[in-house]
Amino acid sequence: MAIQKSEAMRTLTAECQSEFNLLEKKIDDEIRRYYIGGGVRIDINQLPNEKVQNALEKVYREVGWEMSFYDDQREGAYVFLR
């Protein structure tokens, strides 16, 4: 049976899972350190691949955050949560 697109997007490879875990820890640490209400910007080295972005957005949305990824030529890559 053919795999559905939605199922393929949910499945993280070991490499993606490692990237997900590192970013999740960084994001959680930065939220604890800097969040005082409104939103919080978290600088990252580069945007994660689409599967990791989708997985992170899902996890944080489920606990009440809106998450957006940005990559600006002047400011670099970052995540914004509100």
C-alpha atoms as a PDB file:
ATOM      1  CA  MET A   1       0.000   0.000   0.000  1.00  0.00           C
ATOM      2  CA  ALA A   2       1.324   3.438  -0.893  1.00  0.00           C
ATOM      3  CA  ILE A   3       2.294   5.779   1.921  1.00  0.00           C
ATOM      4  CA  GLN A   4       0.180   8.910   2.307  1.00  0.00           C
ATOM      5  CA  LYS A   5       1.855  12.329   2.125  1.00  0.00           C
ATOM      6  CA  SER A   6       0.670  13.207   5.634  1.00  0.00           C
ATOM      7  CA  GLU A   7       2.197   9.998   7.024  1.00  0.00           C
ATOM      8  CA  ALA A   8       5.500  10.623   5.271  1.00  0.00           C
ATOM      9  CA  MET A   9       5.665  14.127   6.718  1.00  0.00           C
ATOM     10  CA  ARG A  10       5.064  12.816  10.255  1.00  0.00           C
ATOM     11  CA  THR A  11       7.868  10.280  10.118  1.00  0.00           C
ATOM     12  CA  LEU A  12      11.186  11.699  11.287  1.00  0.00           C
ATOM     13  CA  THR A  13      14.432   9.982  10.367  1.00  0.00           C
ATOM     14  CA  ALA A  14      17.035   9.499  13.085  1.00  0.00           C
ATOM     15  CA  GLU A  15      18.909  12.570  11.797  1.00  0.00           C
ATOM     16  CA  CYS A  16      15.726  14.660  11.844  1.00  0.00           C
ATOM     17  CA  GLN A  17      14.842  13.357  15.307  1.00  0.00           C
ATOM     18  CA  SER A  18      18.244  14.451  16.584  1.00  0.00           C
ATOM     19  CA  GLU A  19      17.773  17.926  15.070  1.00  0.00           C
ATOM     20  CA  PHE A  20      14.253  18.080  16.537  1.00  0.00           C
ATOM     21  CA  ASN A  21      15.531  17.169  20.024  1.00  0.00           C
ATOM     22  CA  LEU A  22      18.315  19.776  19.936  1.00  0.00           C
ATOM     23  CA  LEU A  23      15.984  22.541  18.747  1.00  0.00           C
ATOM     24  CA  GLU A  24      13.266  21.603  21.221  1.00  0.00           C
ATOM     25  CA  LYS A  25      15.756  21.814  24.094  1.00  0.00           C
ATOM     26  CA  LYS A  26      17.127  25.164  22.868  1.00  0.00           C
ATOM     27  CA  ILE A  27      13.619  26.588  22.433  1.00  0.00           C
ATOM     28  CA  ASP A  28      12.484  25.392  25.870  1.00  0.00           C
ATOM     29  CA  ASP A  29      15.623  26.807  27.516  1.00  0.00           C
ATOM     30  CA  GLU A  30      15.188  30.182  25.783  1.00  0.00           C
ATOM     31  CA  ILE A  31      11.484  30.372  26.688  1.00  0.00           C
ATOM     32  CA  ARG A  32      12.320  29.733  30.338  1.00  0.00           C
ATOM     33  CA  ARG A  33      15.072  32.345  30.239  1.00  0.00           C
ATOM     34  CA  TYR A  34      13.469  35.174  28.244  1.00  0.00           C
ATOM     35  CA  TYR A  35       9.680  34.847  28.009  1.00  0.00           C
ATOM     36  CA  ILE A  36       7.859  37.571  29.972  1.00  0.00           C
ATOM     37  CA  GLY A  37       4.644  37.672  27.949  1.00  0.00           C
ATOM     38  CA  GLY A  38       3.781  38.608  24.405  1.00  0.00           C
ATOM     39  CA  GLY A  39       6.305  36.770  22.293  1.00  0.00           C
ATOM     40  CA  VAL A  40       9.853  35.519  22.310  1.00  0.00           C
ATOM     41  CA  ARG A  41      12.413  35.408  19.512  1.00  0.00           C
ATOM     42  CA  ILE A  42      14.923  32.574  19.488  1.00  0.00           C
ATOM     43  CA  ASP A  43      17.929  32.775  17.170  1.00  0.00           C
ATOM     44  CA  ILE A  44      18.931  29.530  15.473  1.00  0.00           C
ATOM     45  CA  ASN A  45      21.871  28.691  13.202  1.00  0.00           C
ATOM     46  CA  GLN A  46      19.715  27.771  10.225  1.00  0.00           C
ATOM     47  CA  LEU A  47      16.177  26.774   9.443  1.00  0.00           C
ATOM     48  CA  PRO A  48      15.488  23.089  10.075  1.00  0.00           C
ATOM     49  CA  ASN A  49      14.120  20.972   7.254  1.00  0.00           C
ATOM     50  CA  GLU A  50      10.386  20.992   6.636  1.00  0.00           C
ATOM     51  CA  LYS A  51       9.673  17.787   8.570  1.00  0.00           C
ATOM     52  CA  VAL A  52      11.388  19.123  11.676  1.00  0.00           C
ATOM     53  CA  GLN A  53       9.609  22.487  11.342  1.00  0.00           C
ATOM     54  CA  ASN A  54       6.235  20.765  11.036  1.00  0.00           C
ATOM     55  CA  ALA A  55       6.933  18.488  14.003  1.00  0.00           C
ATOM     56  CA  LEU A  56       8.039  21.411  16.197  1.00  0.00           C
ATOM     57  CA  GLU A  57       5.042  23.532  15.183  1.00  0.00           C
ATOM     58  CA  LYS A  58       2.697  20.651  16.043  1.00  0.00           C
ATOM     59  CA  VAL A  59       4.257  19.984  19.461  1.00  0.00           C
ATOM     60  CA  TYR A  60       4.252  23.647  20.494  1.00  0.00           C
ATOM     61  CA  ARG A  61       0.770  24.312  19.079  1.00  0.00           C
ATOM     62  CA  GLU A  62      -0.573  21.429  21.191  1.00  0.00           C
ATOM     63  CA  VAL A  63       0.642  23.195  24.350  1.00  0.00           C
ATOM     64  CA  GLY A  64      -0.658  26.635  23.375  1.00  0.00           C
ATOM     65  CA  TRP A  65       2.113  28.366  21.379  1.00  0.00           C
ATOM     66  CA  GLU A  66       1.998  29.869  17.895  1.00  0.00           C
ATOM     67  CA  MET A  67       5.360  29.230  16.249  1.00  0.00           C
ATOM     68  CA  SER A  68       6.812  30.844  13.125  1.00  0.00           C
ATOM     69  CA  PHE A  69      10.168  30.271  11.446  1.00  0.00           C
ATOM     70  CA  TYR A  70      12.024  33.091   9.689  1.00  0.00           C
ATOM     71  CA  ASP A  71      15.233  33.405   7.712  1.00  0.00           C
ATOM     72  CA  ASP A  72      16.265  36.990   7.105  1.00  0.00           C
ATOM     73  CA  GLN A  73      19.389  37.901   5.180  1.00  0.00           C
ATOM     74  CA  ARG A  74      20.341  40.589   7.701  1.00  0.00           C
ATOM     75  CA  GLU A  75      19.123  39.010  10.939  1.00  0.00           C
ATOM     76  CA  GLY A  76      19.694  35.315  10.235  1.00  0.00           C
ATOM     77  CA  ALA A  77      17.380  32.433  11.055  1.00  0.00           C
ATOM     78  CA  TYR A  78      15.105  32.526  14.065  1.00  0.00           C
ATOM     79  CA  VAL A  79      11.927  31.158  15.603  1.00  0.00           C
ATOM     80  CA  PHE A  80       9.242  33.408  17.025  1.00  0.00           C
ATOM     81  CA  LEU A  81       6.755  32.099  19.561  1.00  0.00           C
ATOM     82  CA  ARG A  82       3.682  33.854  20.923  1.00  0.00           C
END
